[in-house]
Amino acid sequence: MISEPRCRVEIARIKINAPMYKDEETTREIAREIEERIARIEKDTDIIDTQKNAVIAAFEYATAMRVLDEEHEQDIRELAKALERLTSQLKALTKRFHLETPILNED
């Protein structure tokens, strides 16, 4: 059985074999980011409960991912609108100057 590559990291004083993301350096950087987030949560809340802090950090990451997904979807919608406007402008120019282009003609 082939298993995915793993990387040994420590987060909140817990050692785990995390699945490798891209490469070892990137995986360790992600672990450091989580470690820093949990340390900030501990400092801000005075909670030493590692499990609770891990859940809070996971929720923050999930929220951040949702925001990024929504921004990405909005960017795609705006790009599609811009491409539609560009296509309309190109079609208008081809008609105005009597140009024949197979790409812009609607068949």
N, C-alpha and C. Protein backbone atom coordinates (compact mmCIF):
# COMPACT_ATOMS: atom_id res chain seq x y z
N MET A 1 0.83 -1.18 0.00
CA MET A 1 0.00 0.00 0.00
C MET A 1 0.88 1.25 0.00
N ILE A 2 0.57 2.18 -0.91
CA ILE A 2 1.34 3.42 -1.01
C ILE A 2 0.68 4.47 -0.13
N SER A 3 1.47 5.08 0.75
CA SER A 3 0.93 6.12 1.61
C SER A 3 1.47 7.47 1.16
N GLU A 4 0.72 8.51 1.49
CA GLU A 4 1.15 9.85 1.10
C GLU A 4 2.35 10.27 1.93
N PRO A 5 3.22 11.10 1.36
CA PRO A 5 4.38 11.58 2.11
C PRO A 5 3.94 12.38 3.34
N ARG A 6 4.68 12.24 4.41
CA ARG A 6 4.36 12.92 5.66
C ARG A 6 5.59 13.65 6.18
N CYS A 7 5.34 14.59 7.05
CA CYS A 7 6.40 15.41 7.63
C CYS A 7 6.14 15.52 9.13
N ARG A 8 7.13 15.25 9.93
CA ARG A 8 7.01 15.32 11.39
C ARG A 8 7.08 16.78 11.81
N VAL A 9 6.01 17.28 12.45
CA VAL A 9 5.97 18.66 12.92
C VAL A 9 5.44 18.69 14.34
N GLU A 10 5.65 19.81 15.01
CA GLU A 10 5.13 19.99 16.36
C GLU A 10 4.28 21.25 16.38
N ILE A 11 3.03 21.08 16.84
CA ILE A 11 2.10 22.20 16.95
C ILE A 11 1.50 22.15 18.34
N ALA A 12 1.60 23.24 19.06
CA ALA A 12 1.05 23.33 20.43
C ALA A 12 1.56 22.18 21.30
N ARG A 13 2.84 21.96 21.22
CA ARG A 13 3.51 20.93 22.02
C ARG A 13 3.06 19.51 21.68
N ILE A 14 2.41 19.34 20.53
CA ILE A 14 1.98 18.01 20.08
C ILE A 14 2.72 17.67 18.79
N LYS A 15 3.41 16.53 18.81
CA LYS A 15 4.13 16.09 17.62
C LYS A 15 3.21 15.23 16.77
N ILE A 16 3.15 15.57 15.47
CA ILE A 16 2.31 14.80 14.54
C ILE A 16 3.06 14.54 13.25
N ASN A 17 2.64 13.51 12.54
CA ASN A 17 3.11 13.25 11.19
C ASN A 17 2.07 13.85 10.23
N ALA A 18 2.30 15.09 9.85
CA ALA A 18 1.35 15.80 9.01
C ALA A 18 1.51 15.39 7.55
N PRO A 19 0.41 15.35 6.81
CA PRO A 19 0.53 15.09 5.37
C PRO A 19 1.32 16.22 4.72
N MET A 20 2.21 15.86 3.81
CA MET A 20 3.07 16.84 3.15
C MET A 20 2.23 17.69 2.19
N TYR A 21 2.39 19.00 2.27
CA TYR A 21 1.78 19.91 1.31
C TYR A 21 2.88 20.56 0.51
N LYS A 22 2.92 20.29 -0.75
CA LYS A 22 3.94 20.73 -1.71
C LYS A 22 5.31 20.14 -1.38
N ASP A 23 5.92 20.60 -0.29
CA ASP A 23 7.24 20.10 0.10
C ASP A 23 7.39 20.25 1.61
N GLU A 24 8.51 19.76 2.13
CA GLU A 24 8.71 19.78 3.59
C GLU A 24 8.75 21.21 4.13
N GLU A 25 9.41 22.10 3.43
CA GLU A 25 9.52 23.49 3.89
C GLU A 25 8.14 24.16 4.00
N THR A 26 7.30 23.97 2.99
CA THR A 26 5.95 24.55 3.01
C THR A 26 5.13 23.95 4.14
N THR A 27 5.24 22.64 4.32
CA THR A 27 4.50 21.96 5.39
C THR A 27 4.92 22.49 6.75
N ARG A 28 6.21 22.66 6.96
CA ARG A 28 6.70 23.20 8.23
C ARG A 28 6.27 24.65 8.44
N GLU A 29 6.20 25.42 7.37
CA GLU A 29 5.74 26.82 7.46
C GLU A 29 4.27 26.86 7.88
N ILE A 30 3.46 25.98 7.35
CA ILE A 30 2.05 25.90 7.75
C ILE A 30 1.96 25.56 9.23
N ALA A 31 2.75 24.60 9.67
CA ALA A 31 2.76 24.21 11.09
C ALA A 31 3.16 25.40 11.97
N ARG A 32 4.16 26.19 11.52
CA ARG A 32 4.58 27.38 12.28
C ARG A 32 3.44 28.41 12.36
N GLU A 33 2.72 28.58 11.25
CA GLU A 33 1.60 29.53 11.25
C GLU A 33 0.52 29.10 12.25
N ILE A 34 0.22 27.82 12.27
CA ILE A 34 -0.78 27.31 13.22
C ILE A 34 -0.27 27.48 14.65
N GLU A 35 0.99 27.14 14.86
CA GLU A 35 1.60 27.31 16.19
C GLU A 35 1.50 28.76 16.65
N GLU A 36 1.80 29.70 15.77
CA GLU A 36 1.72 31.12 16.12
C GLU A 36 0.29 31.54 16.42
N ARG A 37 -0.65 31.02 15.65
CA ARG A 37 -2.05 31.36 15.87
C ARG A 37 -2.53 30.83 17.22
N ILE A 38 -2.16 29.61 17.54
CA ILE A 38 -2.55 29.03 18.83
C ILE A 38 -1.90 29.80 19.98
N ALA A 39 -0.63 30.18 19.81
CA ALA A 39 0.06 30.97 20.85
C ALA A 39 -0.64 32.30 21.06
N ARG A 40 -1.07 32.93 19.96
CA ARG A 40 -1.80 34.20 20.07
C ARG A 40 -3.13 34.00 20.80
N ILE A 41 -3.83 32.93 20.47
CA ILE A 41 -5.10 32.63 21.13
C ILE A 41 -4.87 32.42 22.63
N GLU A 42 -3.83 31.66 22.99
CA GLU A 42 -3.52 31.43 24.40
C GLU A 42 -3.26 32.75 25.12
N LYS A 43 -2.51 33.63 24.46
CA LYS A 43 -2.18 34.92 25.06
C LYS A 43 -3.42 35.79 25.20
N ASP A 44 -4.24 35.83 24.14
CA ASP A 44 -5.43 36.70 24.14
C ASP A 44 -6.52 36.21 25.08
N THR A 45 -6.61 34.90 25.28
CA THR A 45 -7.73 34.36 26.06
C THR A 45 -7.30 33.82 27.42
N ASP A 46 -6.01 33.71 27.64
CA ASP A 46 -5.50 33.11 28.88
C ASP A 46 -6.00 31.68 29.07
N ILE A 47 -6.27 31.00 27.94
CA ILE A 47 -6.71 29.60 27.98
C ILE A 47 -5.50 28.72 27.68
N ILE A 48 -5.25 27.75 28.52
CA ILE A 48 -4.13 26.85 28.32
C ILE A 48 -4.60 25.53 27.70
N ASP A 49 -5.88 25.35 27.53
CA ASP A 49 -6.47 24.13 26.98
C ASP A 49 -6.08 24.00 25.51
N THR A 50 -5.11 23.14 25.21
CA THR A 50 -4.59 22.98 23.85
C THR A 50 -5.67 22.56 22.88
N GLN A 51 -6.52 21.64 23.28
CA GLN A 51 -7.57 21.16 22.39
C GLN A 51 -8.55 22.29 22.03
N LYS A 52 -8.95 23.05 23.01
CA LYS A 52 -9.87 24.16 22.77
C LYS A 52 -9.23 25.20 21.86
N ASN A 53 -7.97 25.50 22.11
CA ASN A 53 -7.26 26.48 21.28
C ASN A 53 -7.10 25.97 19.84
N ALA A 54 -6.88 24.66 19.70
CA ALA A 54 -6.77 24.09 18.36
C ALA A 54 -8.10 24.22 17.61
N VAL A 55 -9.19 24.02 18.32
CA VAL A 55 -10.52 24.17 17.69
C VAL A 55 -10.74 25.62 17.28
N ILE A 56 -10.37 26.55 18.13
CA ILE A 56 -10.51 27.98 17.80
C ILE A 56 -9.67 28.31 16.58
N ALA A 57 -8.43 27.83 16.55
CA ALA A 57 -7.54 28.09 15.40
C ALA A 57 -8.12 27.46 14.13
N ALA A 58 -8.65 26.26 14.23
CA ALA A 58 -9.25 25.60 13.07
C ALA A 58 -10.44 26.40 12.55
N PHE A 59 -11.26 26.91 13.48
CA PHE A 59 -12.40 27.71 13.07
C PHE A 59 -11.95 28.99 12.37
N GLU A 60 -10.91 29.64 12.91
CA GLU A 60 -10.38 30.85 12.28
C GLU A 60 -9.88 30.56 10.87
N TYR A 61 -9.16 29.44 10.71
CA TYR A 61 -8.67 29.07 9.39
C TYR A 61 -9.82 28.77 8.44
N ALA A 62 -10.83 28.05 8.91
CA ALA A 62 -11.98 27.73 8.07
C ALA A 62 -12.71 29.00 7.63
N THR A 63 -12.83 29.95 8.56
CA THR A 63 -13.46 31.23 8.23
C THR A 63 -12.64 31.98 7.19
N ALA A 64 -11.34 32.01 7.38
CA ALA A 64 -10.46 32.69 6.42
C ALA A 64 -10.56 32.04 5.04
N MET A 65 -10.64 30.71 5.00
CA MET A 65 -10.77 30.01 3.72
C MET A 65 -12.09 30.35 3.05
N ARG A 66 -13.15 30.43 3.82
CA ARG A 66 -14.46 30.79 3.27
C ARG A 66 -14.40 32.18 2.64
N VAL A 67 -13.78 33.13 3.35
CA VAL A 67 -13.65 34.50 2.82
C VAL A 67 -12.86 34.48 1.51
N LEU A 68 -11.76 33.75 1.49
CA LEU A 68 -10.96 33.67 0.26
C LEU A 68 -11.74 33.04 -0.88
N ASP A 69 -12.50 31.99 -0.59
CA ASP A 69 -13.33 31.36 -1.62
C ASP A 69 -14.35 32.34 -2.19
N GLU A 70 -15.00 33.09 -1.31
CA GLU A 70 -16.00 34.07 -1.75
C GLU A 70 -15.35 35.17 -2.59
N GLU A 71 -14.17 35.64 -2.17
CA GLU A 71 -13.45 36.66 -2.94
C GLU A 71 -13.05 36.11 -4.31
N HIS A 72 -12.62 34.86 -4.33
CA HIS A 72 -12.23 34.22 -5.60
C HIS A 72 -13.43 34.12 -6.55
N GLU A 73 -14.57 33.71 -6.02
CA GLU A 73 -15.79 33.61 -6.84
C GLU A 73 -16.18 34.98 -7.38
N GLN A 74 -16.08 36.02 -6.55
CA GLN A 74 -16.40 37.38 -6.99
C GLN A 74 -15.43 37.82 -8.08
N ASP A 75 -14.15 37.52 -7.91
CA ASP A 75 -13.16 37.86 -8.94
C ASP A 75 -13.49 37.18 -10.27
N ILE A 76 -13.91 35.93 -10.21
CA ILE A 76 -14.27 35.20 -11.43
C ILE A 76 -15.48 35.85 -12.10
N ARG A 77 -16.49 36.22 -11.30
CA ARG A 77 -17.68 36.88 -11.87
C ARG A 77 -17.30 38.20 -12.54
N GLU A 78 -16.44 38.98 -11.87
CA GLU A 78 -16.01 40.26 -12.44
C GLU A 78 -15.20 40.05 -13.72
N LEU A 79 -14.35 39.05 -13.75
CA LEU A 79 -13.57 38.74 -14.93
C LEU A 79 -14.48 38.32 -16.08
N ALA A 80 -15.49 37.50 -15.81
CA ALA A 80 -16.43 37.07 -16.84
C ALA A 80 -17.17 38.26 -17.43
N LYS A 81 -17.59 39.20 -16.57
CA LYS A 81 -18.27 40.40 -17.06
C LYS A 81 -17.33 41.24 -17.93
N ALA A 82 -16.09 41.38 -17.50
CA ALA A 82 -15.12 42.15 -18.27
C ALA A 82 -14.87 41.50 -19.63
N LEU A 83 -14.79 40.17 -19.66
CA LEU A 83 -14.59 39.46 -20.92
C LEU A 83 -15.80 39.62 -21.85
N GLU A 84 -17.00 39.61 -21.27
CA GLU A 84 -18.21 39.84 -22.07
C GLU A 84 -18.19 41.23 -22.69
N ARG A 85 -17.82 42.24 -21.89
CA ARG A 85 -17.73 43.60 -22.43
C ARG A 85 -16.69 43.69 -23.53
N LEU A 86 -15.55 43.07 -23.34
CA LEU A 86 -14.49 43.08 -24.33
C LEU A 86 -14.95 42.41 -25.62
N THR A 87 -15.62 41.28 -25.49
CA THR A 87 -16.13 40.57 -26.66
C THR A 87 -17.14 41.44 -27.41
N SER A 88 -18.03 42.09 -26.69
CA SER A 88 -19.01 42.97 -27.32
C SER A 88 -18.33 44.12 -28.06
N GLN A 89 -17.31 44.69 -27.44
CA GLN A 89 -16.59 45.79 -28.08
C GLN A 89 -15.87 45.31 -29.33
N LEU A 90 -15.28 44.12 -29.27
CA LEU A 90 -14.60 43.58 -30.46
C LEU A 90 -15.58 43.30 -31.58
N LYS A 91 -16.75 42.77 -31.25
CA LYS A 91 -17.78 42.51 -32.26
C LYS A 91 -18.24 43.82 -32.90
N ALA A 92 -18.40 44.86 -32.08
CA ALA A 92 -18.82 46.16 -32.60
C ALA A 92 -17.76 46.72 -33.55
N LEU A 93 -16.50 46.55 -33.19
CA LEU A 93 -15.42 47.04 -34.06
C LEU A 93 -15.36 46.26 -35.37
N THR A 94 -15.56 44.95 -35.30
CA THR A 94 -15.53 44.16 -36.55
C THR A 94 -16.66 44.57 -37.47
N LYS A 95 -17.84 44.87 -36.92
CA LYS A 95 -18.96 45.33 -37.76
C LYS A 95 -18.68 46.72 -38.33
N ARG A 96 -18.16 47.59 -37.46
CA ARG A 96 -17.91 48.97 -37.88
C ARG A 96 -16.90 49.05 -39.02
N PHE A 97 -15.86 48.22 -38.94
CA PHE A 97 -14.81 48.27 -39.95
C PHE A 97 -14.92 47.12 -40.96
N HIS A 98 -16.04 46.42 -40.94
CA HIS A 98 -16.32 45.34 -41.90
C HIS A 98 -15.19 44.31 -41.94
N LEU A 99 -14.78 43.89 -40.78
CA LEU A 99 -13.72 42.89 -40.66
C LEU A 99 -14.34 41.50 -40.58
N GLU A 100 -13.69 40.54 -41.16
CA GLU A 100 -14.12 39.14 -41.09
C GLU A 100 -13.16 38.39 -40.19
N THR A 101 -13.62 37.95 -39.06
CA THR A 101 -12.79 37.12 -38.17
C THR A 101 -13.62 35.93 -37.71
N PRO A 102 -13.16 34.72 -37.98
CA PRO A 102 -13.93 33.54 -37.59
C PRO A 102 -14.09 33.41 -36.06
N ILE A 103 -13.20 33.99 -35.31
CA ILE A 103 -13.27 33.86 -33.85
C ILE A 103 -14.45 34.65 -33.29
N LEU A 104 -14.72 35.82 -33.87
CA LEU A 104 -15.74 36.69 -33.31
C LEU A 104 -17.11 36.51 -33.95
N ASN A 105 -17.18 35.85 -35.09
CA ASN A 105 -18.47 35.65 -35.74
C ASN A 105 -19.28 34.61 -34.99
N GLU A 106 -20.55 34.90 -34.85
CA GLU A 106 -21.44 33.92 -34.20
C GLU A 106 -22.04 33.05 -35.28
N ASP A 107 -21.69 31.78 -35.28
CA ASP A 107 -22.25 30.86 -36.28
C ASP A 107 -23.19 29.88 -35.66
